[in-house]
């Protein structure tokens, strides 16, 4: 099994309360950056792509001018 390379979103800045992902040939893995030794989730590539596509097309910007999450849903 190939080791996977974890990455944090650039939106997370220097904070440690983040979700990290690792893209492999057949799945996208997701974990909590504070608990890197804990189990993680794995999504089939098509399911992850569908989630990202839907999220990007249906969500307003989650950042306010103060940098705090907005309350828009």
N, C-alpha and C. Protein backbone atom coordinates (compact mmCIF):
# COMPACT_ATOMS: atom_id res chain seq x y z
N UNK A 1 0.85 -1.19 0.00
CA UNK A 1 0.00 0.00 0.00
C UNK A 1 0.89 1.25 0.00
N UNK A 2 0.57 2.16 -0.88
CA UNK A 2 1.33 3.41 -0.99
C UNK A 2 1.00 4.34 0.17
N UNK A 3 2.01 5.03 0.72
CA UNK A 3 1.70 6.06 1.73
C UNK A 3 0.92 7.20 1.07
N UNK A 4 0.08 7.84 1.84
CA UNK A 4 -0.69 8.95 1.28
C UNK A 4 -0.17 10.26 1.84
N UNK A 5 -0.30 11.31 1.03
CA UNK A 5 0.21 12.64 1.39
C UNK A 5 -0.97 13.51 1.81
N UNK A 6 -0.99 13.91 3.07
CA UNK A 6 -2.07 14.73 3.62
C UNK A 6 -1.83 16.20 3.34
N UNK A 7 -2.91 16.95 3.06
CA UNK A 7 -2.82 18.39 2.82
C UNK A 7 -3.97 19.10 3.53
N UNK A 8 -3.67 20.30 4.01
CA UNK A 8 -4.69 21.16 4.61
C UNK A 8 -5.10 22.21 3.59
N UNK A 9 -6.31 22.68 3.71
CA UNK A 9 -6.79 23.76 2.87
C UNK A 9 -6.02 25.04 3.16
N UNK A 10 -5.79 25.82 2.14
CA UNK A 10 -5.15 27.12 2.34
C UNK A 10 -6.06 28.06 3.12
N UNK A 11 -7.36 27.78 3.16
CA UNK A 11 -8.31 28.59 3.93
C UNK A 11 -8.10 28.42 5.43
N UNK A 12 -7.40 27.38 5.86
CA UNK A 12 -7.24 27.13 7.29
C UNK A 12 -6.18 28.01 7.92
N UNK A 13 -5.34 28.65 7.14
CA UNK A 13 -4.30 29.52 7.69
C UNK A 13 -3.37 28.75 8.59
N UNK A 14 -3.01 29.35 9.72
CA UNK A 14 -2.12 28.70 10.67
C UNK A 14 -2.87 27.92 11.74
N UNK A 15 -4.18 27.88 11.65
CA UNK A 15 -4.97 27.19 12.66
C UNK A 15 -4.81 25.68 12.59
N UNK A 16 -5.10 25.02 13.70
CA UNK A 16 -4.98 23.57 13.72
C UNK A 16 -6.34 22.88 13.70
N UNK A 17 -7.42 23.64 13.68
CA UNK A 17 -8.76 23.05 13.64
C UNK A 17 -9.19 22.90 12.19
N UNK A 18 -8.63 21.91 11.53
CA UNK A 18 -8.83 21.79 10.10
C UNK A 18 -9.17 20.37 9.71
N UNK A 19 -9.66 20.25 8.52
CA UNK A 19 -9.83 18.96 7.88
C UNK A 19 -8.70 18.83 6.88
N UNK A 20 -8.08 17.67 6.85
CA UNK A 20 -7.03 17.40 5.87
C UNK A 20 -7.54 16.34 4.90
N UNK A 21 -7.06 16.42 3.66
CA UNK A 21 -7.42 15.40 2.69
C UNK A 21 -6.15 14.81 2.09
N UNK A 22 -6.31 13.61 1.59
CA UNK A 22 -5.24 12.94 0.84
C UNK A 22 -5.90 12.25 -0.34
N UNK A 23 -5.45 12.59 -1.53
CA UNK A 23 -6.02 12.03 -2.74
C UNK A 23 -5.17 10.84 -3.17
N UNK A 24 -5.80 9.69 -3.27
CA UNK A 24 -5.15 8.47 -3.74
C UNK A 24 -5.76 8.08 -5.08
N UNK A 25 -5.26 7.03 -5.68
CA UNK A 25 -5.74 6.65 -7.01
C UNK A 25 -7.20 6.23 -7.03
N UNK A 26 -7.70 5.65 -5.95
CA UNK A 26 -9.08 5.17 -5.96
C UNK A 26 -9.98 5.77 -4.89
N UNK A 27 -9.44 6.70 -4.09
CA UNK A 27 -10.25 7.28 -3.01
C UNK A 27 -9.65 8.60 -2.56
N UNK A 28 -10.49 9.39 -1.90
CA UNK A 28 -10.04 10.60 -1.22
C UNK A 28 -10.24 10.36 0.27
N UNK A 29 -9.18 10.53 1.02
CA UNK A 29 -9.19 10.29 2.46
C UNK A 29 -9.35 11.63 3.18
N UNK A 30 -10.10 11.63 4.27
CA UNK A 30 -10.38 12.85 5.03
C UNK A 30 -10.14 12.56 6.51
N UNK A 31 -9.44 13.49 7.19
CA UNK A 31 -9.18 13.31 8.62
C UNK A 31 -9.18 14.66 9.34
N UNK A 32 -9.24 14.60 10.65
CA UNK A 32 -9.16 15.76 11.52
C UNK A 32 -7.68 16.06 11.76
N UNK A 33 -7.25 17.28 11.51
CA UNK A 33 -5.83 17.62 11.65
C UNK A 33 -5.35 17.57 13.10
N UNK A 34 -6.26 17.63 14.05
CA UNK A 34 -5.86 17.54 15.46
C UNK A 34 -5.68 16.10 15.92
N UNK A 35 -6.19 15.15 15.14
CA UNK A 35 -6.17 13.74 15.55
C UNK A 35 -5.61 12.88 14.42
N UNK A 36 -4.40 13.17 14.02
CA UNK A 36 -3.83 12.52 12.84
C UNK A 36 -3.62 11.02 13.01
N UNK A 37 -3.54 10.53 14.22
CA UNK A 37 -3.37 9.10 14.44
C UNK A 37 -4.67 8.34 14.52
N UNK A 38 -5.78 9.04 14.50
CA UNK A 38 -7.10 8.40 14.59
C UNK A 38 -7.53 7.88 13.23
N UNK A 39 -8.55 7.04 13.21
CA UNK A 39 -9.08 6.58 11.92
C UNK A 39 -9.56 7.76 11.08
N UNK A 40 -9.60 7.55 9.78
CA UNK A 40 -10.07 8.60 8.88
C UNK A 40 -11.13 8.03 7.95
N UNK A 41 -11.80 8.92 7.26
CA UNK A 41 -12.83 8.53 6.29
C UNK A 41 -12.22 8.38 4.91
N UNK A 42 -12.77 7.49 4.11
CA UNK A 42 -12.33 7.35 2.72
C UNK A 42 -13.57 7.36 1.83
N UNK A 43 -13.54 8.19 0.82
CA UNK A 43 -14.64 8.32 -0.12
C UNK A 43 -14.18 7.89 -1.51
N UNK A 44 -15.04 7.18 -2.23
CA UNK A 44 -14.71 6.86 -3.61
C UNK A 44 -14.53 8.17 -4.36
N UNK A 45 -13.63 8.16 -5.31
CA UNK A 45 -13.27 9.40 -6.02
C UNK A 45 -14.48 10.11 -6.62
N UNK A 46 -15.39 9.36 -7.24
CA UNK A 46 -16.55 10.01 -7.86
C UNK A 46 -17.45 10.64 -6.80
N UNK A 47 -17.56 10.02 -5.62
CA UNK A 47 -18.40 10.58 -4.56
C UNK A 47 -17.80 11.88 -4.02
N UNK A 48 -16.49 11.90 -3.85
CA UNK A 48 -15.82 13.12 -3.36
C UNK A 48 -15.96 14.24 -4.39
N UNK A 49 -15.77 13.92 -5.66
CA UNK A 49 -15.89 14.93 -6.72
C UNK A 49 -17.31 15.49 -6.76
N UNK A 50 -18.30 14.65 -6.58
CA UNK A 50 -19.69 15.10 -6.56
C UNK A 50 -19.96 16.01 -5.37
N UNK A 51 -19.43 15.65 -4.20
CA UNK A 51 -19.58 16.47 -3.00
C UNK A 51 -18.96 17.85 -3.21
N UNK A 52 -17.74 17.90 -3.72
CA UNK A 52 -17.05 19.17 -3.94
C UNK A 52 -17.80 20.02 -4.96
N UNK A 53 -18.24 19.39 -6.04
CA UNK A 53 -18.97 20.12 -7.07
C UNK A 53 -20.26 20.72 -6.51
N UNK A 54 -21.00 19.94 -5.77
CA UNK A 54 -22.26 20.43 -5.19
C UNK A 54 -22.00 21.54 -4.18
N UNK A 55 -21.00 21.35 -3.34
CA UNK A 55 -20.68 22.36 -2.32
C UNK A 55 -20.26 23.67 -2.95
N UNK A 56 -19.41 23.60 -3.96
CA UNK A 56 -18.92 24.81 -4.61
C UNK A 56 -20.02 25.55 -5.35
N UNK A 57 -20.99 24.82 -5.90
CA UNK A 57 -22.02 25.48 -6.69
C UNK A 57 -23.21 25.97 -5.87
N UNK A 58 -23.38 25.45 -4.65
CA UNK A 58 -24.58 25.82 -3.90
C UNK A 58 -24.32 26.61 -2.63
N UNK A 59 -23.07 26.80 -2.24
CA UNK A 59 -22.79 27.50 -1.00
C UNK A 59 -22.31 28.92 -1.25
N UNK A 60 -22.88 29.89 -0.55
CA UNK A 60 -22.33 31.24 -0.63
C UNK A 60 -20.98 31.26 0.08
N UNK A 61 -20.26 32.32 -0.09
CA UNK A 61 -18.98 32.45 0.61
C UNK A 61 -19.19 32.28 2.10
N UNK A 62 -18.32 31.50 2.72
CA UNK A 62 -18.46 31.23 4.15
C UNK A 62 -17.68 32.23 4.99
N UNK A 63 -17.03 33.18 4.39
CA UNK A 63 -16.24 34.14 5.16
C UNK A 63 -16.90 35.51 5.13
N UNK A 64 -16.89 36.17 6.27
CA UNK A 64 -17.36 37.54 6.34
C UNK A 64 -16.14 38.45 6.22
N UNK A 65 -16.37 39.73 6.21
CA UNK A 65 -15.24 40.66 6.10
C UNK A 65 -14.35 40.61 7.32
N UNK A 66 -14.87 40.13 8.45
CA UNK A 66 -14.06 40.02 9.67
C UNK A 66 -13.30 38.70 9.72
N UNK A 67 -13.49 37.83 8.74
CA UNK A 67 -12.80 36.55 8.73
C UNK A 67 -13.49 35.47 9.55
N UNK A 68 -14.68 35.78 10.08
CA UNK A 68 -15.42 34.79 10.85
C UNK A 68 -16.43 34.11 9.93
N UNK A 69 -16.74 32.84 10.21
CA UNK A 69 -17.73 32.16 9.37
C UNK A 69 -19.06 32.90 9.37
N UNK A 70 -19.70 32.94 8.23
CA UNK A 70 -21.01 33.57 8.14
C UNK A 70 -22.07 32.57 8.56
N UNK A 71 -23.29 33.03 8.71
CA UNK A 71 -24.38 32.17 9.12
C UNK A 71 -25.26 31.76 7.95
N UNK A 72 -24.82 31.99 6.74
CA UNK A 72 -25.58 31.62 5.55
C UNK A 72 -25.59 30.12 5.40
N UNK A 73 -26.72 29.56 4.96
CA UNK A 73 -26.79 28.12 4.69
C UNK A 73 -27.18 27.89 3.27
